[in-house]
Protein backbone atom coordinates (compact mmCIF):
# COMPACT_ATOMS: atom_id res chain seq x y z
CA UNK A 1 0.00 0.00 0.00
CA UNK A 2 1.16 3.48 -0.83
CA UNK A 3 0.70 6.58 1.26
CA UNK A 4 -2.80 7.99 1.49
CA UNK A 5 -3.67 10.81 -0.84
CA UNK A 6 -4.00 14.00 1.19
CA UNK A 7 -7.47 15.50 1.42
CA UNK A 8 -8.28 18.82 -0.21
CA UNK A 9 -8.45 20.18 3.34
CA UNK A 10 -4.84 19.18 3.93
CA UNK A 11 -3.66 20.30 0.48
CA UNK A 12 -5.30 23.68 1.07
CA UNK A 13 -3.42 24.18 4.33
CA UNK A 14 -5.85 22.82 6.91
CA UNK A 15 -7.58 24.70 9.69
CA UNK A 16 -5.54 27.91 9.47
CA UNK A 17 -6.43 28.35 5.80
CA UNK A 18 -10.14 28.01 6.44
CA UNK A 19 -9.97 30.39 9.40
CA UNK A 20 -8.30 32.98 7.15
CA UNK A 21 -10.72 32.38 4.26
CA UNK A 22 -13.87 32.72 6.33
CA UNK A 23 -12.55 35.70 8.32
CA UNK A 24 -11.74 37.53 5.08
CA UNK A 25 -15.17 36.68 3.68
CA UNK A 26 -17.04 37.98 6.73
CA UNK A 27 -15.03 41.22 6.74
CA UNK A 28 -16.61 41.84 3.34
CA UNK A 29 -20.08 40.78 4.46
CA UNK A 30 -19.93 43.11 7.48
CA UNK A 31 -19.64 46.13 5.18
CA UNK A 32 -22.19 44.98 2.57
CA UNK A 33 -25.54 46.17 3.92
CA UNK A 34 -27.84 44.22 1.53
CA UNK A 35 -25.93 40.99 2.10
CA UNK A 36 -25.48 41.62 5.83
CA UNK A 37 -29.27 41.81 6.10
CA UNK A 38 -29.40 38.06 5.41
CA UNK A 39 -27.56 37.40 8.68
CA UNK A 40 -30.04 37.80 11.54
CA UNK A 41 -27.49 37.57 14.36
CA UNK A 42 -25.98 40.86 15.52
CA UNK A 43 -22.62 39.13 15.87
CA UNK A 44 -21.29 37.46 12.70
CA UNK A 45 -19.00 35.25 14.81
CA UNK A 46 -21.39 32.29 15.06
CA UNK A 47 -22.07 32.38 11.30
CA UNK A 48 -18.33 32.56 10.69
CA UNK A 49 -17.74 29.50 12.84
CA UNK A 50 -20.54 27.52 11.15
CA UNK A 51 -19.25 28.32 7.65
CA UNK A 52 -15.67 27.47 8.61
CA UNK A 53 -16.72 24.13 10.12
CA UNK A 54 -18.88 23.34 7.09
CA UNK A 55 -16.12 24.11 4.58
CA UNK A 56 -13.53 22.20 6.58
CA UNK A 57 -15.79 19.15 6.64
CA UNK A 58 -16.74 19.45 2.97
CA UNK A 59 -13.09 19.47 1.92
CA UNK A 60 -12.16 16.46 4.04
CA UNK A 61 -11.25 17.98 7.38
CA UNK A 62 -12.79 17.46 10.80
CA UNK A 63 -16.46 16.45 10.93
CA UNK A 64 -17.21 18.95 13.69
CA UNK A 65 -20.01 20.56 11.67
CA UNK A 66 -22.06 17.35 11.48
CA UNK A 67 -21.20 16.38 15.04
CA UNK A 68 -22.56 19.70 16.33
CA UNK A 69 -25.30 20.50 13.82
CA UNK A 70 -26.26 17.29 12.04
CA UNK A 71 -26.45 16.89 8.27
CA UNK A 72 -25.70 20.19 6.50
CA UNK A 73 -29.01 20.32 4.53
CA UNK A 74 -27.88 23.65 3.07
CA UNK A 75 -30.99 24.50 1.09
CA UNK A 76 -33.28 23.69 3.99
CA UNK A 77 -31.21 25.73 6.46
CA UNK A 78 -31.35 28.73 4.13
CA UNK A 79 -34.99 28.38 3.01
CA UNK A 80 -36.18 31.21 5.25
CA UNK A 81 -33.87 33.69 3.47
CA UNK A 82 -34.48 35.02 -0.02
CA UNK A 83 -31.32 33.97 -1.83
CA UNK A 84 -31.64 35.86 -5.11
CA UNK A 85 -29.21 35.99 -8.03
CA UNK A 86 -28.11 39.44 -6.84
CA UNK A 87 -27.47 38.17 -3.30
CA UNK A 88 -25.59 35.16 -4.72
CA UNK A 89 -23.41 37.50 -6.76
CA UNK A 90 -22.70 39.67 -3.71
CA UNK A 91 -21.84 36.57 -1.66
CA UNK A 92 -19.54 35.30 -4.40
CA UNK A 93 -17.83 38.68 -4.78
CA UNK A 94 -16.79 38.62 -1.13
CA UNK A 95 -15.89 34.93 -1.20
CA UNK A 96 -13.76 35.32 -4.33
CA UNK A 97 -12.01 38.31 -2.73
CA UNK A 98 -11.33 36.08 0.28
CA UNK A 99 -9.90 33.43 -2.06
CA UNK A 100 -7.67 36.09 -3.59
CA UNK A 101 -6.50 37.07 -0.11
CA UNK A 102 -5.50 33.57 0.99
CA UNK A 103 -3.74 32.89 -2.36
CA UNK A 104 -3.83 29.10 -2.56
CA UNK A 105 -1.78 27.23 -5.17
CA UNK A 106 -3.57 27.16 -8.54
CA UNK A 107 -5.03 23.63 -8.37
CA UNK A 108 -6.42 24.08 -4.85
CA UNK A 109 -7.63 27.59 -5.65
CA UNK A 110 -9.53 26.29 -8.68
CA UNK A 111 -11.05 23.46 -6.62
CA UNK A 112 -12.18 25.84 -3.90
CA UNK A 113 -13.58 28.46 -6.27
CA UNK A 114 -15.38 25.85 -8.35
CA UNK A 115 -17.17 24.49 -5.30
CA UNK A 116 -18.05 27.94 -3.98
CA UNK A 117 -19.57 28.97 -7.33
CA UNK A 118 -21.53 25.73 -7.51
CA UNK A 119 -22.78 26.01 -3.92
CA UNK A 120 -23.78 29.66 -4.29
CA UNK A 121 -25.87 28.87 -7.36
CA UNK A 122 -27.35 25.78 -5.70
CA UNK A 123 -28.64 27.99 -2.88
CA UNK A 124 -30.77 30.20 -5.14
CA UNK A 125 -34.37 30.11 -3.99
CA UNK A 126 -35.93 33.41 -5.09
CA UNK A 127 -35.87 35.69 -8.15
CA UNK A 128 -34.58 39.25 -8.07
CA UNK A 129 -37.42 41.69 -7.63
C-alpha atoms as a PDB file:
ATOM      1  CA  UNK A   1       0.000   0.000   0.000  1.00  0.00           C
ATOM      2  CA  UNK A   2       1.158   3.479  -0.827  1.00  0.00           C
ATOM      3  CA  UNK A   3       0.702   6.579   1.257  1.00  0.00           C
ATOM      4  CA  UNK A   4      -2.799   7.986   1.487  1.00  0.00           C
ATOM      5  CA  UNK A   5      -3.670  10.811  -0.839  1.00  0.00           C
ATOM      6  CA  UNK A   6      -3.995  14.000   1.194  1.00  0.00           C
ATOM      7  CA  UNK A   7      -7.473  15.498   1.415  1.00  0.00           C
ATOM      8  CA  UNK A   8      -8.275  18.816  -0.209  1.00  0.00           C
ATOM      9  CA  UNK A   9      -8.451  20.180   3.338  1.00  0.00           C
ATOM     10  CA  UNK A  10      -4.837  19.181   3.926  1.00  0.00           C
ATOM     11  CA  UNK A  11      -3.662  20.299   0.478  1.00  0.00           C
ATOM     12  CA  UNK A  12      -5.305  23.683   1.072  1.00  0.00           C
ATOM     13  CA  UNK A  13      -3.415  24.183   4.329  1.00  0.00           C
ATOM     14  CA  UNK A  14      -5.847  22.818   6.914  1.00  0.00           C
ATOM     15  CA  UNK A  15      -7.576  24.699   9.693  1.00  0.00           C
ATOM     16  CA  UNK A  16      -5.538  27.912   9.473  1.00  0.00           C
ATOM     17  CA  UNK A  17      -6.426  28.351   5.800  1.00  0.00           C
ATOM     18  CA  UNK A  18     -10.136  28.006   6.441  1.00  0.00           C
ATOM     19  CA  UNK A  19      -9.968  30.389   9.396  1.00  0.00           C
ATOM     20  CA  UNK A  20      -8.297  32.976   7.150  1.00  0.00           C
ATOM     21  CA  UNK A  21     -10.719  32.380   4.255  1.00  0.00           C
ATOM     22  CA  UNK A  22     -13.870  32.725   6.332  1.00  0.00           C
ATOM     23  CA  UNK A  23     -12.554  35.699   8.317  1.00  0.00           C
ATOM     24  CA  UNK A  24     -11.740  37.532   5.077  1.00  0.00           C
ATOM     25  CA  UNK A  25     -15.172  36.678   3.681  1.00  0.00           C
ATOM     26  CA  UNK A  26     -17.043  37.982   6.729  1.00  0.00           C
ATOM     27  CA  UNK A  27     -15.035  41.217   6.743  1.00  0.00           C
ATOM     28  CA  UNK A  28     -16.607  41.837   3.338  1.00  0.00           C
ATOM     29  CA  UNK A  29     -20.077  40.779   4.464  1.00  0.00           C
ATOM     30  CA  UNK A  30     -19.935  43.105   7.476  1.00  0.00           C
ATOM     31  CA  UNK A  31     -19.637  46.130   5.176  1.00  0.00           C
ATOM     32  CA  UNK A  32     -22.189  44.982   2.573  1.00  0.00           C
ATOM     33  CA  UNK A  33     -25.538  46.168   3.917  1.00  0.00           C
ATOM     34  CA  UNK A  34     -27.838  44.219   1.532  1.00  0.00           C
ATOM     35  CA  UNK A  35     -25.926  40.987   2.103  1.00  0.00           C
ATOM     36  CA  UNK A  36     -25.477  41.623   5.830  1.00  0.00           C
ATOM     37  CA  UNK A  37     -29.274  41.807   6.097  1.00  0.00           C
ATOM     38  CA  UNK A  38     -29.399  38.056   5.406  1.00  0.00           C
ATOM     39  CA  UNK A  39     -27.559  37.402   8.682  1.00  0.00           C
ATOM     40  CA  UNK A  40     -30.040  37.801  11.545  1.00  0.00           C
ATOM     41  CA  UNK A  41     -27.492  37.574  14.357  1.00  0.00           C
ATOM     42  CA  UNK A  42     -25.981  40.864  15.517  1.00  0.00           C
ATOM     43  CA  UNK A  43     -22.618  39.126  15.866  1.00  0.00           C
ATOM     44  CA  UNK A  44     -21.293  37.459  12.704  1.00  0.00           C
ATOM     45  CA  UNK A  45     -19.001  35.252  14.811  1.00  0.00           C
ATOM     46  CA  UNK A  46     -21.390  32.289  15.059  1.00  0.00           C
ATOM     47  CA  UNK A  47     -22.071  32.381  11.301  1.00  0.00           C
ATOM     48  CA  UNK A  48     -18.332  32.560  10.687  1.00  0.00           C
ATOM     49  CA  UNK A  49     -17.740  29.499  12.844  1.00  0.00           C
ATOM     50  CA  UNK A  50     -20.538  27.519  11.152  1.00  0.00           C
ATOM     51  CA  UNK A  51     -19.250  28.319   7.652  1.00  0.00           C
ATOM     52  CA  UNK A  52     -15.673  27.468   8.605  1.00  0.00           C
ATOM     53  CA  UNK A  53     -16.718  24.126  10.117  1.00  0.00           C
ATOM     54  CA  UNK A  54     -18.884  23.337   7.089  1.00  0.00           C
ATOM     55  CA  UNK A  55     -16.116  24.105   4.584  1.00  0.00           C
ATOM     56  CA  UNK A  56     -13.527  22.198   6.584  1.00  0.00           C
ATOM     57  CA  UNK A  57     -15.790  19.149   6.641  1.00  0.00           C
ATOM     58  CA  UNK A  58     -16.743  19.446   2.973  1.00  0.00           C
ATOM     59  CA  UNK A  59     -13.093  19.472   1.921  1.00  0.00           C
ATOM     60  CA  UNK A  60     -12.159  16.455   4.037  1.00  0.00           C
ATOM     61  CA  UNK A  61     -11.252  17.981   7.379  1.00  0.00           C
ATOM     62  CA  UNK A  62     -12.787  17.457  10.805  1.00  0.00           C
ATOM     63  CA  UNK A  63     -16.462  16.448  10.935  1.00  0.00           C
ATOM     64  CA  UNK A  64     -17.212  18.954  13.692  1.00  0.00           C
ATOM     65  CA  UNK A  65     -20.006  20.557  11.672  1.00  0.00           C
ATOM     66  CA  UNK A  66     -22.059  17.351  11.477  1.00  0.00           C
ATOM     67  CA  UNK A  67     -21.200  16.382  15.039  1.00  0.00           C
ATOM     68  CA  UNK A  68     -22.555  19.703  16.329  1.00  0.00           C
ATOM     69  CA  UNK A  69     -25.301  20.498  13.822  1.00  0.00           C
ATOM     70  CA  UNK A  70     -26.259  17.286  12.041  1.00  0.00           C
ATOM     71  CA  UNK A  71     -26.449  16.888   8.271  1.00  0.00           C
ATOM     72  CA  UNK A  72     -25.702  20.192   6.499  1.00  0.00           C
ATOM     73  CA  UNK A  73     -29.014  20.321   4.530  1.00  0.00           C
ATOM     74  CA  UNK A  74     -27.881  23.650   3.074  1.00  0.00           C
ATOM     75  CA  UNK A  75     -30.992  24.504   1.087  1.00  0.00           C
ATOM     76  CA  UNK A  76     -33.280  23.691   3.992  1.00  0.00           C
ATOM     77  CA  UNK A  77     -31.213  25.729   6.462  1.00  0.00           C
ATOM     78  CA  UNK A  78     -31.349  28.732   4.134  1.00  0.00           C
ATOM     79  CA  UNK A  79     -34.988  28.382   3.015  1.00  0.00           C
ATOM     80  CA  UNK A  80     -36.183  31.215   5.247  1.00  0.00           C
ATOM     81  CA  UNK A  81     -33.865  33.685   3.472  1.00  0.00           C
ATOM     82  CA  UNK A  82     -34.480  35.017  -0.022  1.00  0.00           C
ATOM     83  CA  UNK A  83     -31.317  33.972  -1.831  1.00  0.00           C
ATOM     84  CA  UNK A  84     -31.635  35.862  -5.110  1.00  0.00           C
ATOM     85  CA  UNK A  85     -29.205  35.989  -8.033  1.00  0.00           C
ATOM     86  CA  UNK A  86     -28.110  39.437  -6.841  1.00  0.00           C
ATOM     87  CA  UNK A  87     -27.471  38.167  -3.301  1.00  0.00           C
ATOM     88  CA  UNK A  88     -25.594  35.158  -4.719  1.00  0.00           C
ATOM     89  CA  UNK A  89     -23.407  37.502  -6.760  1.00  0.00           C
ATOM     90  CA  UNK A  90     -22.701  39.669  -3.710  1.00  0.00           C
ATOM     91  CA  UNK A  91     -21.838  36.572  -1.664  1.00  0.00           C
ATOM     92  CA  UNK A  92     -19.543  35.304  -4.403  1.00  0.00           C
ATOM     93  CA  UNK A  93     -17.829  38.685  -4.782  1.00  0.00           C
ATOM     94  CA  UNK A  94     -16.791  38.616  -1.127  1.00  0.00           C
ATOM     95  CA  UNK A  95     -15.887  34.930  -1.199  1.00  0.00           C
ATOM     96  CA  UNK A  96     -13.758  35.316  -4.334  1.00  0.00           C
ATOM     97  CA  UNK A  97     -12.007  38.307  -2.733  1.00  0.00           C
ATOM     98  CA  UNK A  98     -11.328  36.084   0.281  1.00  0.00           C
ATOM     99  CA  UNK A  99      -9.904  33.428  -2.061  1.00  0.00           C
ATOM    100  CA  UNK A 100      -7.672  36.094  -3.594  1.00  0.00           C
ATOM    101  CA  UNK A 101      -6.496  37.070  -0.111  1.00  0.00           C
ATOM    102  CA  UNK A 102      -5.505  33.569   0.990  1.00  0.00           C
ATOM    103  CA  UNK A 103      -3.737  32.887  -2.357  1.00  0.00           C
ATOM    104  CA  UNK A 104      -3.833  29.097  -2.558  1.00  0.00           C
ATOM    105  CA  UNK A 105      -1.784  27.229  -5.167  1.00  0.00           C
ATOM    106  CA  UNK A 106      -3.569  27.159  -8.537  1.00  0.00           C
ATOM    107  CA  UNK A 107      -5.026  23.628  -8.367  1.00  0.00           C
ATOM    108  CA  UNK A 108      -6.420  24.082  -4.853  1.00  0.00           C
ATOM    109  CA  UNK A 109      -7.626  27.594  -5.655  1.00  0.00           C
ATOM    110  CA  UNK A 110      -9.526  26.285  -8.681  1.00  0.00           C
ATOM    111  CA  UNK A 111     -11.048  23.457  -6.620  1.00  0.00           C
ATOM    112  CA  UNK A 112     -12.178  25.845  -3.895  1.00  0.00           C
ATOM    113  CA  UNK A 113     -13.585  28.460  -6.273  1.00  0.00           C
ATOM    114  CA  UNK A 114     -15.383  25.851  -8.350  1.00  0.00           C
ATOM    115  CA  UNK A 115     -17.175  24.486  -5.302  1.00  0.00           C
ATOM    116  CA  UNK A 116     -18.053  27.939  -3.980  1.00  0.00           C
ATOM    117  CA  UNK A 117     -19.567  28.972  -7.329  1.00  0.00           C
ATOM    118  CA  UNK A 118     -21.532  25.729  -7.511  1.00  0.00           C
ATOM    119  CA  UNK A 119     -22.776  26.010  -3.923  1.00  0.00           C
ATOM    120  CA  UNK A 120     -23.778  29.657  -4.286  1.00  0.00           C
ATOM    121  CA  UNK A 121     -25.871  28.869  -7.356  1.00  0.00           C
ATOM    122  CA  UNK A 122     -27.347  25.778  -5.697  1.00  0.00           C
ATOM    123  CA  UNK A 123     -28.640  27.989  -2.885  1.00  0.00           C
ATOM    124  CA  UNK A 124     -30.769  30.202  -5.141  1.00  0.00           C
ATOM    125  CA  UNK A 125     -34.374  30.110  -3.992  1.00  0.00           C
ATOM    126  CA  UNK A 126     -35.926  33.413  -5.089  1.00  0.00           C
ATOM    127  CA  UNK A 127     -35.866  35.689  -8.146  1.00  0.00           C
ATOM    128  CA  UNK A 128     -34.584  39.246  -8.075  1.00  0.00           C
ATOM    129  CA  UNK A 129     -37.420  41.689  -7.628  1.00  0.00           C
END
